[in-house]
Amino acid sequence: YDAIYLVHKIEKEIQDVFVPPELVQLIHNIYLAHLRKEVIREREAIPKQPFILVVGPTGSGKTHTIQAAIEQAIFDDTLIIRKDFKAEWEEEAAHRPWLRLPLLGWLFASPELKKLAQEEDRIKQLKRWEKLSHFPLIKKYAQKRASQVAQQLEWLPEDKDSILVDYNTISPHQVQTKWYGETGTYFLAAMGSEKHPTIRHILEAHGVLSDGKGTQGNDVQLVTLQATITETMDKIAGGLRDCILIADTHSPSKIARDIYRRFDEQGIIIDISEFWQREEYLAELIKLELRQNNVNIDCSQVPLGKIVNAIKTIFDRKGLDITPAYVRKLIHSLLEAKGDLRLDYFNDEQLIRECFKNVARNLYGELFQRIVKRPPDDYGWDDYQGSIKDDFLEMVISSLFYGGLDKGVVLAGPPGSGKTFLTMVAVAAYPEITFISIKMDDLYEEGHGIQGIIKNLEGVYDIAKMLAPSLVVINEADAVAKKRSQQGMDPMDAVTNKFLDLLDGDRSVRGTFTVMTTNLLENLDGALIRPGRLKVMSVSGKLGEREIIKIIRRELRDESLAEGLSVTDIYVEAKRINNTPAGYVEFVRKLKELRRVELRTAQRLCQLSKQFGGGEEVRAFCQSNSKPLLRILEVLGADEQLIKRARGDFKFFISQFDLIKEKATQAVNLAYPITLAHLRHARAELLKNPQRQAWQSLDKFLGSELSQEPQVGRVVGAAYAQNMGLLVPINSNLVARPAGGPDIIVTGVTKGSVLQQVDHTEMTFQSAREALTLNIHYFQKLLGKSQKLGHLDAACIVGKLLENRSIHHQMESVNYMGGGPSAGFALAINTLSVLLHLPVYNDFGITGAPSTKGVRADKAGSSVMIGGEDKKAERVLQDLRRMYVPRQNFYSFSFEVQAGYWREGKVVIPVGDYRDIIGEVIYLNEDQRNLIDELIKSRIDYYQCLMRGGGEEDNKEIEVIKNELQQKVEAEICRRLELLYKFLVEEKQQFVNLPFIFK
């Protein structure tokens, strides 16, 4: 008995939970008033109904604190040791045998044993009267006798009127089910019987009392559960059920409004985190942790009050909530590191940061391991090519070290443009910054749904604050903070809302800088990039040849190249596959991988040959490694016909074992560099990607379809999709118009759903209609300048021509997926070409959509900005020498990027107005072609001059040539409009073709 008593005393002394006294008192008063029905003097401190909602962040001790408070306030934890009469009798009789004598033996029993016997007899009487109290006729008398007997028992607590209370917890999984109407039934079962006083503690109440937003549950089930909960709370409020209903949650906003209002208006809401702001309670937490670690300190020697203030200062500086879990783990880590507790430890920032690292690792476990990463050691600041890195790093350093106001940035750009790599080199430049990298998969936990994602997202930022300064990189951010639905019914809306909450407020992101990377900026919620939250930086990945070659050199720094093979050759080959920084890195790494596999295969073959000669083991090795061995033969100059035959005939391949062994030995003993053959094989390997292979095949086909000479109604447009530029040849013709038929026909649709195809076709049809309107407006401008033709109406002339004809536009690129081609200018050129039967040059591509009027009266139609201009230009200039883009887009091309085109005699040309380009795209004769050649050369010279710092005045020669070309073409257009007018006014000429009219 002594041992039992001592164990009980020890458990009370070493209890691991501190409960604020006023919380215990509050729950005790609620118990007395609502379960025991006693009158409490301090009635204002007790809620009208026994509804208690405990809120607080994760780790604030909601559950453990409230459970300990219930135990202390309601359930008596006094230890009462009741001795067993039979055991005591046997023990005393063993020393005094005469006690066993019938009748007389009892006279010699000790007073303690006689008293115990009387107590045992009273217990039997109590049990007998309690049984009899179930009979209605003698119920009151039996209850009275049982009460009289109970008052004589010494083992009952001092409070003789104790009542039986059913206490239990309810967790979300106890009420979750897919069966119709079952959620309410499960909740009632968890609440227990209505006949007995109960206390129910709902854990993670946002999962039980949910409003349903941000969940994927059945709406009917949710309504059933809420109705049952409301009915239960009505019974408690009406006195039909004696129950104290307690709920805890870290997300009170997720609780249904009606239920939350019940707690607020009729019950009480307790913010548990407010208790830990008080210095005396924070000191108790520290003492509790010291006891748990067997550390005794003299409070007169250790300034506990100053330590509490230091802890509050640290948590406030980091923007962390003060919770028992964080404070106790921090003290525990300090004790582990130093063995004691001193005030000066809290002034050591490095020590505190390391301790917080242990706190994060212990509390967040797997999440910590997944997200806290270290960039590769071989990354350096100089490894990133592009000026954007300076602006990015300035924002990061200003925010993390100098109190800057920027909370973060969205890095938007195509795949492979270097967004994530930029963050890595920034951390490599400043190793003291903690690198935290996450994506949606890191936040998701099976079985926890949306609430699990939200909880982990909060954990990510708490870890970041603990390890501050921190760079939080959210990859594929459009999956984490996607655009919210208009109806608010998408479960992922809750994640976006939580992310916005985390960003709001100065304290929420202190010590952290958020970087979101995305390929689809339009899919991000617009609230993220409003002023005061995140800025947007475009990472296009557009690099000049010099920067790309630096990237390739870095990747090849430990590799040797064959004689005659240069880094430029690798650049040219890689560019054909993917012109992004990541694409070049992927290509070079594939080269290195091929060479490494071949060399290791050769080494292994030499080892096996020495060990087994030419036996079966060696033959089996050659069979399983034929691919790298054949590449070795090709790299080291074996006969091409022999290699070709060996690929399809294994027996022949094995018959050449001596040659294979010789070449393998040569590869091992001599330098085995990267060769041109490796370039071919790397390209072939990378093109095995089915998606990339499909695009390459389509693009190759379209490239082969380019016109070989100027033609009427044949122009090359460009599209952007899947981070690639794509040629869009457009064929236009005048065709017979059936009765009631349209004057414009568009065929060739883009890839996608049926609705997308309809949208894309409709967009292209609208562009074709606008192209016709633009040309009519342009024709009228030209006619208006002529004294001879100023009276003519261009709209009537074109309308007359199209009375029995239609313009048919065929878009050859029917397999690209996008939002519709930016083909307004291309369609306009083709429309002019077929209306007036004027050939179009075959050496240019064009993109952009024009407006139907110019910015000035003398202009025809100004250009409108489009997207993907860099990829479009890159693709067009692979086969053609001119690429026209809207003027606003032209400024995004750096001189370094354009310089690569200039060296090949190719040029990107800005388009400001439709009229400005007509003289350059309409073919008249070979003399005009010579002027075009001269114009291209002058433009390249002018741009190179600007690159060297020259002035705008150097473009006079260009203007002279442009004006000459424009005058000649516009004169021909006016001549043909006049001829068209003369022939169309004569009805008998309606069947004459256009070449005859314009000859």
Foldseek 3Di string as FASTA:
>chain_A
DVVVVVVLVVCVVLPLDDEDVVLLVQVLVQCCCQVVVDDDPVVVSFFQFLEEEEAEAPQQCRPVRNVVSCCVRANDSDDFDQDDLVVVVVVVCVVVVCLPPPPVSVVPDDPVSVVSVVLVVLVVLLVVLVVVLVDVVCVVVSVVVNLVSLVPHPRDDPPSPRFDEAEDEAELVQQDDQDQLRSLVSVVVQQDDQVGAYEYEYEQCLSQQFPQFLDPHDPRSNVSSNVSVVVVSVCSSVVSGRYNYYYYHHCPVGGHPVVVVCCVRRNDYHHSLVVCVDQVVVLVLLVSLCVVVVHDDDCVVAVSSLQSVLVVVLCQLLLHRDHSLQSSQLSVLVCVVPVHDHNVCSVPVVSQLVSLLSSLCVPVPPLSVVWFDAFDLPAALVLDDDPVLVVQLVVLCCVQPVVDLAQAAEEEEAPQLCQVVSVNNSCSHPVLETETEDEQVSQDDPPCRLVSSLSSVLSSQVSCSSNFLYEYEYEQCLVQAFAADPVSRHSSPVSNVSVVVLQPDPSSRRRYYYYYYHHCPVGGHPVQPDPSHYPYDYRHQDDFPVSLLSNLCVLCVPADADPPDDSVNLVVLQVVQASGSSSSSLLSVLLVVLLVVLLVLLVVLLVVCVVPNLDPVSLVSCVVVVVSLLLLCVQVPHDPVLSVVCVVDVVSVSVCVVVSNVSSVCPNPDPRHRYPSSSVVSVVVVCVPVVSVVQVVLQVVVLVVFDPWWFAQWAWEWADASNAIGIKIKGKAKDFAPVVGDQEAEDAFEDDDPVQRVQQRVVVVVLLVLLVLLVQQVLLLLQCVDPVRNVDRSVVLVCLLSPGIHMYMYTPPRYGDDNYFQCNLVSNLNVLRRSQVFTWGRQEYEGFHWGQDAPDPNFRTFTDADPPPVNNVSSSLVNHAEYEHAQVVVVVNDLSHQVVSVVVLHGYHHTTGSLQCNLQTTDDDVVSVVLNSVLSVQVSVVSVCVVVPHDPVSCPVNVVSSVVSSVVRSVLSNVSSVLSVVQSVDVVNSPPDNVVSSD
